[in-house]
Amino acid sequence: MIAILKLRIARQTDGRCLNCVLSFPPIRAHEAFTAFTFEFMTQRSFLSIAFIAFATLLCLNVPGSGDAVAAESVAVADQELTVGDKAPQLDIEHWLQDGNGYFKPVTKFKDGSVYVIEFWETNCGACRAGMPKLAELQNRYRKQNVRIIGISPEEPAPIKAMLKLPSSEPGKTFGEVTSAYSLVSDPDTSTFQDYMAAAGINFIPTAFVVGKKGDIEWIGSPFDMEEPLEKIVDGSWDLAAYKKKVAEENKAAETLKKNLETLARLQETGKYKEAIAFAADRVKDAPDQQQSGYWDSVKHMLKLVSGTVDSETKEYFGLQFKMMLAEKNLSGILQLGNELCGVSEMGGELGPLGKQAIAVIQAIGPEDATKEALPYYHNTLANLFDVTGDFKKAAASQETAIKLSDPRQQKRMQPYLKELRKKAGIGTE
């Protein structure tokens, strides 16, 4: 989806890691958004309002968003593999972790056993964040014939290097965290093609649960997998009901896709009046309050960019700030703050909104942020100070964000710090 109207959500985006945003349930939206943002933040990069609506709606588990399979049905129409189909056999080149010698390489699925086939990569923050949970699930179901296999299409070398790095688990490397289950390298991507490509899925992490009869019984984000896995293991999983649910979600997702494509075309041709009217119509015919709310957000963002702010839009953002402050909704205000930065850099007039966003972020404070979210908190402030003209505070905030980031992120974030220092007239030595 191409759009002229662009908003800053992250410094850089990578399609395969968008599942960090698209498939998390509401309670994990903050962690997901953080992982997505900080995995790709070295360059200034922007997302269209249409895409933001798409990602946020999916993130909130509206129809078409509950599982990765629903999100992917928007991204890729053709699906050769879906829930209920026979699972393709595995063709793995390199088995790197074997559950401390407990597991043997798998070439054929055994009747009566359950397999979790998870696709990941070393450069995916959400993939790394989910590793402790996968290990916990493997330990829980180890004696119930459950096998978790994490498949990366990378060569063994970068995987082995990552396994030596410290993880989010205190005192443990990634190798120690993942030692409970199997990690494999499949650089010829044969298994990726058999599963991910065949299912029309582009985003990671994504898991396929293969049931006791060798059929695919669930597809989605590993973060959403605990309940269906439990039911598949104990035999209470209603596969027919789940297949029906997926079909309904895919249908809703296709409608969403068409609406967003229409919005993008209007943006591309500069038809903001028509785009605003289109978004307003979607508010009216939205199937639920969540979708209505986010189409309303799209409408007001379009008004900001097009310079057609009215009393309704001013009231809308004022209410958003009040609600986020009252609820201490840190993830919400950080996302909104970055969207406002994107509006500004596209030529939109923020007026007092930028400084109001800063005030709300600082009032909520970073105390409730996870360790992984702290760099995002300070980087968002840097963005907002930048667009509101306070370059010294912007540089200071970016410096803090860099100090709180891991070495790889620090390298990616340095160019923006240099830019801010130059704007502030601060030496870059």
Protein backbone atom coordinates (compact mmCIF):
# COMPACT_ATOMS: atom_id res chain seq x y z
CA MET A 1 0.00 0.00 0.00
CA ILE A 2 1.55 3.28 -1.14
CA ALA A 3 0.44 6.57 0.32
CA ILE A 4 1.50 10.18 0.08
CA LEU A 5 0.37 11.02 3.58
CA LYS A 6 2.95 9.54 5.92
CA LEU A 7 3.32 9.47 9.68
CA ARG A 8 6.35 8.65 11.76
CA ILE A 9 5.83 5.54 13.83
CA ALA A 10 9.33 4.13 13.72
CA ARG A 11 12.69 5.10 12.34
CA GLN A 12 12.64 2.25 9.90
CA THR A 13 10.19 -0.51 9.08
CA ASP A 14 10.65 -4.08 7.96
CA GLY A 15 7.62 -5.91 6.59
CA ARG A 16 8.44 -9.23 8.15
CA CYS A 17 8.50 -7.78 11.64
CA LEU A 18 5.18 -5.99 11.39
CA ASN A 19 3.55 -8.90 13.14
CA CYS A 20 4.97 -7.23 16.22
CA VAL A 21 2.16 -4.75 15.73
CA LEU A 22 -0.44 -6.66 13.81
CA SER A 23 -1.12 -9.74 15.86
CA PHE A 24 -0.77 -8.79 19.52
CA PRO A 25 -3.84 -8.65 21.74
CA PRO A 26 -4.63 -5.34 23.49
CA ILE A 27 -2.85 -6.21 26.72
CA ARG A 28 0.39 -6.73 24.83
CA ALA A 29 0.04 -3.91 22.34
CA HIS A 30 2.59 -1.78 24.18
CA GLU A 31 5.28 -4.45 24.26
CA ALA A 32 4.58 -5.34 20.64
CA PHE A 33 4.71 -1.76 19.45
CA THR A 34 7.93 -1.19 21.39
CA ALA A 35 9.64 -4.21 19.89
CA PHE A 36 8.53 -3.19 16.41
CA THR A 37 9.62 0.41 16.83
CA PHE A 38 13.01 -0.20 18.33
CA GLU A 39 13.98 -2.97 15.99
CA PHE A 40 14.02 -0.47 13.12
CA MET A 41 14.69 3.06 14.29
CA THR A 42 17.93 4.19 12.68
CA GLN A 43 16.40 6.15 9.84
CA ARG A 44 13.41 8.42 9.78
CA SER A 45 10.67 6.47 8.19
CA PHE A 46 6.97 7.04 7.93
CA LEU A 47 3.79 5.06 7.62
CA SER A 48 0.63 6.16 5.89
CA ILE A 49 -2.45 7.08 7.85
CA ALA A 50 -4.14 4.23 6.02
CA PHE A 51 -1.53 1.80 7.25
CA ILE A 52 -1.67 3.17 10.79
CA ALA A 53 -5.41 2.57 10.83
CA PHE A 54 -4.81 -0.93 9.51
CA ALA A 55 -2.12 -1.78 12.05
CA THR A 56 -3.93 -0.29 15.01
CA LEU A 57 -7.25 -1.92 14.19
CA LEU A 58 -5.55 -5.28 13.92
CA CYS A 59 -3.62 -4.67 17.11
CA LEU A 60 -6.89 -4.21 18.96
CA ASN A 61 -8.30 -7.59 17.94
CA VAL A 62 -11.16 -6.25 15.87
CA PRO A 63 -12.59 -8.66 13.28
CA GLY A 64 -9.79 -9.75 11.04
CA SER A 65 -7.12 -9.21 13.65
CA GLY A 66 -7.26 -11.87 16.32
CA ASP A 67 -4.57 -14.06 14.82
CA ALA A 68 -1.72 -13.67 12.42
CA VAL A 69 -3.62 -15.63 9.81
CA ALA A 70 -6.27 -12.92 9.74
CA ALA A 71 -3.70 -10.16 9.45
CA GLU A 72 -1.93 -11.99 6.68
CA SER A 73 -5.12 -12.43 4.70
CA VAL A 74 -5.02 -8.68 4.26
CA ALA A 75 -1.41 -8.67 3.14
CA VAL A 76 -1.56 -11.64 0.79
CA ALA A 77 -4.77 -12.79 -0.84
CA ASP A 78 -3.74 -16.23 -2.11
CA GLN A 79 -3.56 -18.99 0.50
CA GLU A 80 -2.63 -22.54 -0.39
CA LEU A 81 -2.31 -23.63 3.25
CA THR A 82 -4.78 -22.88 6.02
CA VAL A 83 -6.29 -24.20 9.23
CA GLY A 84 -7.51 -27.78 8.87
CA ASP A 85 -5.02 -28.71 6.14
CA LYS A 86 -2.48 -31.50 6.51
CA ALA A 87 0.79 -30.04 7.82
CA PRO A 88 3.73 -30.26 5.41
CA GLN A 89 6.61 -32.42 6.61
CA LEU A 90 9.71 -30.62 7.83
CA ASP A 91 12.86 -30.35 5.74
CA ILE A 92 15.39 -28.77 8.10
CA GLU A 93 19.07 -28.29 7.29
CA HIS A 94 20.62 -27.48 10.67
CA TRP A 95 19.36 -28.47 14.14
CA LEU A 96 21.08 -26.09 16.58
CA GLN A 97 19.21 -26.59 19.89
CA ASP A 98 17.74 -29.92 20.94
CA GLY A 99 16.24 -29.34 24.38
CA ASN A 100 19.51 -30.25 26.10
CA GLY A 101 19.63 -33.57 24.28
CA TYR A 102 16.00 -34.46 24.99
CA PHE A 103 14.77 -34.09 21.39
CA LYS A 104 15.83 -35.67 18.13
CA PRO A 105 15.49 -34.09 14.65
CA VAL A 106 11.98 -34.31 13.23
CA THR A 107 11.36 -35.44 9.68
CA LYS A 108 7.87 -36.86 10.12
CA PHE A 109 5.06 -35.90 12.48
CA LYS A 110 4.05 -38.69 14.86
CA ASP A 111 0.39 -39.44 15.49
CA GLY A 112 -0.60 -38.45 19.00
CA SER A 113 2.05 -35.73 19.26
CA VAL A 114 1.57 -31.97 19.01
CA TYR A 115 4.08 -29.73 17.26
CA VAL A 116 4.52 -25.96 17.39
CA ILE A 117 6.31 -24.73 14.26
CA GLU A 118 7.41 -21.15 14.94
CA PHE A 119 9.07 -18.90 12.37
CA TRP A 120 11.47 -16.23 13.61
CA GLU A 121 14.69 -14.35 12.83
CA THR A 122 17.51 -12.98 14.95
CA ASN A 123 16.76 -9.36 13.97
CA CYS A 124 13.13 -9.54 15.14
CA GLY A 125 12.67 -7.96 18.56
CA ALA A 126 9.29 -9.57 19.18
CA CYS A 127 10.73 -12.96 18.26
CA ARG A 128 13.43 -12.60 20.89
CA ALA A 129 10.94 -11.25 23.43
CA GLY A 130 8.78 -14.35 23.01
CA MET A 131 11.54 -16.89 23.55
CA PRO A 132 11.14 -17.22 27.35
CA LYS A 133 7.43 -17.99 26.92
CA LEU A 134 8.14 -20.65 24.30
CA ALA A 135 10.64 -22.24 26.67
CA GLU A 136 8.09 -22.15 29.49
CA LEU A 137 5.46 -23.83 27.29
CA GLN A 138 7.92 -26.50 26.18
CA ASN A 139 8.80 -27.31 29.78
CA ARG A 140 5.13 -27.40 30.73
CA TYR A 141 4.15 -29.85 27.99
CA ARG A 142 7.41 -31.76 27.55
CA LYS A 143 5.96 -34.99 28.95
CA GLN A 144 2.72 -34.64 26.96
CA ASN A 145 4.34 -35.20 23.58
CA VAL A 146 4.54 -31.52 22.65
CA ARG A 147 7.49 -30.35 20.60
CA ILE A 148 8.29 -26.68 19.94
CA ILE A 149 10.57 -25.95 16.98
CA GLY A 150 11.76 -22.43 16.19
CA ILE A 151 12.76 -22.12 12.54
CA SER A 152 14.92 -19.29 11.18
CA PRO A 153 15.72 -18.98 7.46
CA GLU A 154 19.16 -17.61 8.37
CA GLU A 155 22.49 -19.38 8.20
CA PRO A 156 23.67 -20.98 11.47
CA ALA A 157 26.36 -18.35 12.17
CA PRO A 158 24.13 -15.36 13.11
CA ILE A 159 21.88 -17.63 15.17
CA LYS A 160 24.81 -19.04 17.11
CA ALA A 161 26.13 -15.52 17.67
CA MET A 162 22.77 -14.36 19.03
CA LEU A 163 22.56 -17.34 21.38
CA LYS A 164 25.68 -16.06 23.16
CA LEU A 165 24.14 -12.65 23.86
CA PRO A 166 22.44 -11.74 27.15
CA SER A 167 18.66 -12.06 27.06
CA SER A 168 15.92 -10.22 28.93
CA GLU A 169 16.07 -12.99 31.53
CA PRO A 170 18.52 -11.79 34.23
CA GLY A 171 21.82 -13.63 34.08
CA LYS A 172 20.86 -15.80 31.10
CA THR A 173 21.98 -15.79 27.50
CA PHE A 174 19.54 -16.45 24.66
CA GLY A 175 21.12 -19.88 24.35
CA GLU A 176 20.29 -20.69 27.95
CA VAL A 177 16.75 -19.33 27.64
CA THR A 178 15.99 -21.33 24.51
CA SER A 179 17.74 -24.53 25.58
CA ALA A 180 14.39 -26.06 26.57
CA TYR A 181 13.15 -26.31 22.97
CA SER A 182 14.53 -26.75 19.47
CA LEU A 183 16.04 -23.97 17.37
CA VAL A 184 16.90 -24.71 13.77
CA SER A 185 18.43 -23.03 10.75
CA ASP A 186 16.81 -23.50 7.35
CA PRO A 187 18.70 -21.23 4.93
CA ASP A 188 17.30 -22.85 1.80
CA THR A 189 13.89 -21.60 3.10
CA SER A 190 12.17 -24.81 2.03
CA THR A 191 10.15 -25.04 5.25
CA PHE A 192 9.41 -21.32 5.14
CA GLN A 193 7.99 -21.79 1.64
CA ASP A 194 5.96 -24.83 2.68
CA TYR A 195 4.37 -23.00 5.61
CA MET A 196 4.65 -19.22 5.59
CA ALA A 197 4.57 -18.62 1.85
CA ALA A 198 1.89 -21.25 1.29
CA ALA A 199 -0.29 -19.68 3.98
CA GLY A 200 0.23 -16.19 2.52
CA ILE A 201 1.98 -14.93 5.65
CA ASN A 202 4.78 -12.36 5.56
CA PHE A 203 5.14 -11.42 9.22
CA ILE A 204 7.08 -12.91 12.10
CA PRO A 205 6.90 -14.31 14.68
CA THR A 206 4.22 -16.69 13.48
CA ALA A 207 3.40 -20.12 14.87
CA PHE A 208 1.60 -23.10 13.35
CA VAL A 209 0.23 -25.69 15.78
CA VAL A 210 0.12 -29.18 14.28
CA GLY A 211 -2.40 -31.39 16.08
CA LYS A 212 -2.30 -35.04 17.05
CA LYS A 213 -3.50 -36.18 13.62
CA GLY A 214 -0.97 -34.11 11.69
CA ASP A 215 -3.38 -31.32 10.72
CA ILE A 216 -2.79 -27.60 11.22
CA GLU A 217 -5.16 -26.64 14.02
CA TRP A 218 -4.11 -23.06 14.75
CA ILE A 219 -2.05 -20.28 13.14
CA GLY A 220 -1.13 -17.01 14.80
CA SER A 221 1.24 -15.03 16.97
CA PRO A 222 3.09 -17.13 19.56
CA PHE A 223 1.96 -14.57 22.12
CA ASP A 224 -1.64 -15.67 21.54
CA MET A 225 -0.92 -19.38 21.49
CA GLU A 226 -1.19 -20.49 25.12
CA GLU A 227 -4.95 -21.11 25.30
CA PRO A 228 -5.37 -22.88 21.94
CA LEU A 229 -2.28 -25.00 22.60
CA GLU A 230 -3.68 -26.11 25.96
CA LYS A 231 -6.97 -27.13 24.34
CA ILE A 232 -5.27 -28.90 21.44
CA VAL A 233 -3.18 -30.88 23.91
CA ASP A 234 -6.11 -31.86 26.16
CA GLY A 235 -8.44 -32.59 23.24
CA SER A 236 -11.01 -29.85 23.89
CA TRP A 237 -10.09 -27.65 20.91
CA ASP A 238 -13.04 -26.99 18.58
CA LEU A 239 -11.33 -26.94 15.20
CA ALA A 240 -14.56 -26.49 13.23
CA ALA A 241 -15.52 -23.40 15.24
CA TYR A 242 -12.03 -21.96 14.83
CA LYS A 243 -12.10 -22.51 11.06
CA LYS A 244 -15.41 -20.65 10.90
CA LYS A 245 -13.97 -17.80 12.97
CA VAL A 246 -10.93 -17.53 10.70
CA ALA A 247 -13.15 -17.40 7.61
CA GLU A 248 -15.22 -14.59 9.13
CA GLU A 249 -12.10 -12.67 10.11
CA ASN A 250 -10.61 -13.05 6.66
CA LYS A 251 -13.80 -11.67 5.12
CA ALA A 252 -13.75 -8.68 7.46
CA ALA A 253 -10.05 -8.17 6.79
CA GLU A 254 -10.67 -8.11 3.05
CA THR A 255 -13.26 -5.36 3.53
CA LEU A 256 -10.77 -3.43 5.64
CA LYS A 257 -8.11 -3.86 2.98
CA LYS A 258 -10.37 -2.44 0.27
CA ASN A 259 -11.30 0.55 2.44
CA LEU A 260 -7.68 1.33 3.17
CA GLU A 261 -6.72 1.01 -0.48
CA THR A 262 -9.44 3.52 -1.33
CA LEU A 263 -8.18 5.89 1.35
CA ALA A 264 -4.60 5.53 0.11
CA ARG A 265 -5.62 6.38 -3.48
CA LEU A 266 -7.38 9.52 -2.30
CA GLN A 267 -4.30 10.55 -0.31
CA GLU A 268 -1.96 9.89 -3.21
CA THR A 269 -3.91 12.22 -5.46
CA GLY A 270 -4.21 14.94 -2.83
CA LYS A 271 -7.97 14.56 -2.52
CA TYR A 272 -8.03 15.25 1.19
CA LYS A 273 -11.60 16.51 1.28
CA GLU A 274 -12.79 13.24 -0.23
CA ALA A 275 -10.45 11.24 2.03
CA ILE A 276 -11.84 12.96 5.12
CA ALA A 277 -15.39 12.30 3.96
CA PHE A 278 -14.52 8.65 3.27
CA ALA A 279 -13.07 8.23 6.78
CA ALA A 280 -16.16 9.91 8.26
CA ASP A 281 -18.39 7.42 6.45
CA ARG A 282 -16.33 4.54 7.86
CA VAL A 283 -16.91 5.95 11.34
CA LYS A 284 -20.65 5.73 10.74
CA ASP A 285 -20.71 2.20 9.31
CA ALA A 286 -18.01 0.65 11.53
CA PRO A 287 -19.15 -2.66 13.04
CA ASP A 288 -17.98 -1.81 16.55
CA GLN A 289 -16.79 1.03 18.74
CA GLN A 290 -13.10 0.24 18.35
CA GLN A 291 -13.13 0.46 14.57
CA SER A 292 -15.29 3.56 14.76
CA GLY A 293 -12.79 5.17 17.11
CA TYR A 294 -9.84 4.51 14.87
CA TRP A 295 -11.53 5.70 11.70
CA ASP A 296 -12.35 8.83 13.69
CA SER A 297 -8.64 9.16 14.48
CA VAL A 298 -7.80 8.81 10.79
CA LYS A 299 -10.30 11.54 9.93
CA HIS A 300 -8.77 14.03 12.34
CA MET A 301 -5.20 13.22 11.32
CA LEU A 302 -6.20 13.94 7.74
CA LYS A 303 -7.59 17.28 8.84
CA LEU A 304 -4.29 18.15 10.49
CA VAL A 305 -2.27 17.34 7.40
CA SER A 306 -4.64 19.11 5.03
CA GLY A 307 -4.82 22.24 7.17
CA THR A 308 -8.56 21.97 7.70
CA VAL A 309 -8.58 21.77 11.49
CA ASP A 310 -11.93 22.76 12.96
CA SER A 311 -13.43 22.91 16.44
CA GLU A 312 -14.36 19.22 16.24
CA THR A 313 -10.74 18.22 15.65
CA LYS A 314 -9.45 20.46 18.44
CA GLU A 315 -12.01 18.94 20.78
CA TYR A 316 -11.06 15.44 19.64
CA PHE A 317 -7.37 15.80 20.45
CA GLY A 318 -8.10 17.60 23.71
CA LEU A 319 -10.25 14.67 24.78
CA GLN A 320 -7.58 12.17 23.71
CA PHE A 321 -4.96 13.91 25.85
CA LYS A 322 -7.28 14.03 28.87
CA MET A 323 -8.23 10.36 28.57
CA MET A 324 -4.66 9.16 28.12
CA LEU A 325 -3.48 11.18 31.10
CA ALA A 326 -6.34 9.97 33.30
CA GLU A 327 -5.72 6.35 32.30
CA LYS A 328 -1.92 6.73 32.33
CA ASN A 329 -2.00 5.25 28.84
CA LEU A 330 1.70 5.51 28.06
CA SER A 331 1.68 3.38 24.90
CA GLY A 332 -1.26 5.36 23.52
CA ILE A 333 0.30 8.78 24.03
CA LEU A 334 3.67 7.62 22.66
CA GLN A 335 1.98 6.36 19.52
CA LEU A 336 -0.06 9.53 19.17
CA GLY A 337 3.04 11.64 19.74
CA ASN A 338 4.88 9.94 16.91
CA GLU A 339 1.87 10.29 14.63
CA LEU A 340 1.81 14.03 15.34
CA CYS A 341 5.51 14.23 14.47
CA GLY A 342 4.78 12.64 11.13
CA VAL A 343 1.97 15.10 10.49
CA SER A 344 4.34 17.98 11.21
CA GLU A 345 7.04 16.70 8.88
CA MET A 346 4.46 16.32 6.12
CA GLY A 347 3.68 20.00 6.46
CA GLY A 348 0.71 19.77 8.79
CA GLU A 349 0.21 22.50 11.37
CA LEU A 350 0.20 21.07 14.90
CA GLY A 351 -0.41 24.30 16.75
CA PRO A 352 -0.28 23.52 20.48
CA LEU A 353 -0.72 19.76 20.02
CA GLY A 354 3.00 18.92 20.02
CA LYS A 355 3.66 20.63 23.34
CA GLN A 356 0.47 19.16 24.79
CA ALA A 357 1.65 15.67 23.85
CA ILE A 358 5.00 16.34 25.53
CA ALA A 359 3.24 17.50 28.69
CA VAL A 360 1.10 14.35 28.84
CA ILE A 361 4.07 12.04 28.24
CA GLN A 362 6.11 13.72 30.95
CA ALA A 363 3.16 13.77 33.35
CA ILE A 364 2.66 10.01 32.94
CA GLY A 365 6.40 9.47 33.18
CA PRO A 366 8.53 6.43 32.38
CA GLU A 367 8.04 4.66 35.70
CA ASP A 368 5.59 2.07 34.36
CA ALA A 369 7.50 1.47 31.14
CA THR A 370 9.26 -1.84 30.65
CA LYS A 371 13.01 -1.86 30.21
CA GLU A 372 12.53 -2.44 26.49
CA ALA A 373 10.12 0.50 26.26
CA LEU A 374 12.33 3.12 27.91
CA PRO A 375 14.35 3.96 24.77
CA TYR A 376 11.10 4.38 22.84
CA TYR A 377 9.78 6.73 25.56
CA HIS A 378 12.78 9.05 25.31
CA ASN A 379 13.03 8.81 21.52
CA THR A 380 9.40 9.89 21.22
CA LEU A 381 10.16 12.92 23.37
CA ALA A 382 13.14 13.65 21.12
CA ASN A 383 10.86 13.56 18.08
CA LEU A 384 8.33 15.89 19.70
CA PHE A 385 10.92 18.35 20.98
CA ASP A 386 12.37 18.36 17.47
CA VAL A 387 9.12 19.28 15.70
CA THR A 388 8.29 21.89 18.35
CA GLY A 389 11.68 23.56 17.93
CA ASP A 390 13.35 22.73 21.26
CA PHE A 391 16.42 21.11 19.73
CA LYS A 392 18.55 21.01 22.90
CA LYS A 393 15.92 19.01 24.75
CA ALA A 394 15.47 16.86 21.65
CA ALA A 395 19.18 16.03 21.61
CA ALA A 396 19.21 15.34 25.35
CA SER A 397 16.23 12.99 25.03
CA GLN A 398 17.83 11.14 22.14
CA GLU A 399 21.06 10.77 24.13
CA THR A 400 19.07 9.17 26.95
CA ALA A 401 17.31 6.86 24.50
CA ILE A 402 20.67 5.74 23.13
CA LYS A 403 22.13 5.09 26.58
CA LEU A 404 19.16 2.84 27.41
CA SER A 405 19.36 0.87 24.14
CA ASP A 406 21.40 -2.17 23.24
CA PRO A 407 24.57 -1.72 21.13
CA ARG A 408 22.91 -2.54 17.83
CA GLN A 409 20.14 -0.03 18.43
CA GLN A 410 22.62 2.58 19.59
CA LYS A 411 24.44 2.45 16.27
CA ARG A 412 21.21 2.90 14.37
CA MET A 413 20.11 5.83 16.51
CA GLN A 414 23.31 7.87 16.27
CA PRO A 415 22.57 9.62 12.93
CA TYR A 416 19.44 11.24 14.32
CA LEU A 417 21.35 12.40 17.40
CA LYS A 418 23.95 14.04 15.16
CA GLU A 419 21.17 15.78 13.27
CA LEU A 420 19.63 17.08 16.50
CA ARG A 421 22.99 18.25 17.83
CA LYS A 422 23.57 20.17 14.63
CA LYS A 423 20.17 21.84 14.90
CA ALA A 424 20.89 22.74 18.53
CA GLY A 425 24.35 24.11 17.73
CA ILE A 426 26.00 21.49 19.93
CA GLY A 427 29.38 20.02 19.00
CA THR A 428 29.26 16.47 17.65
CA GLU A 429 32.71 15.38 18.78
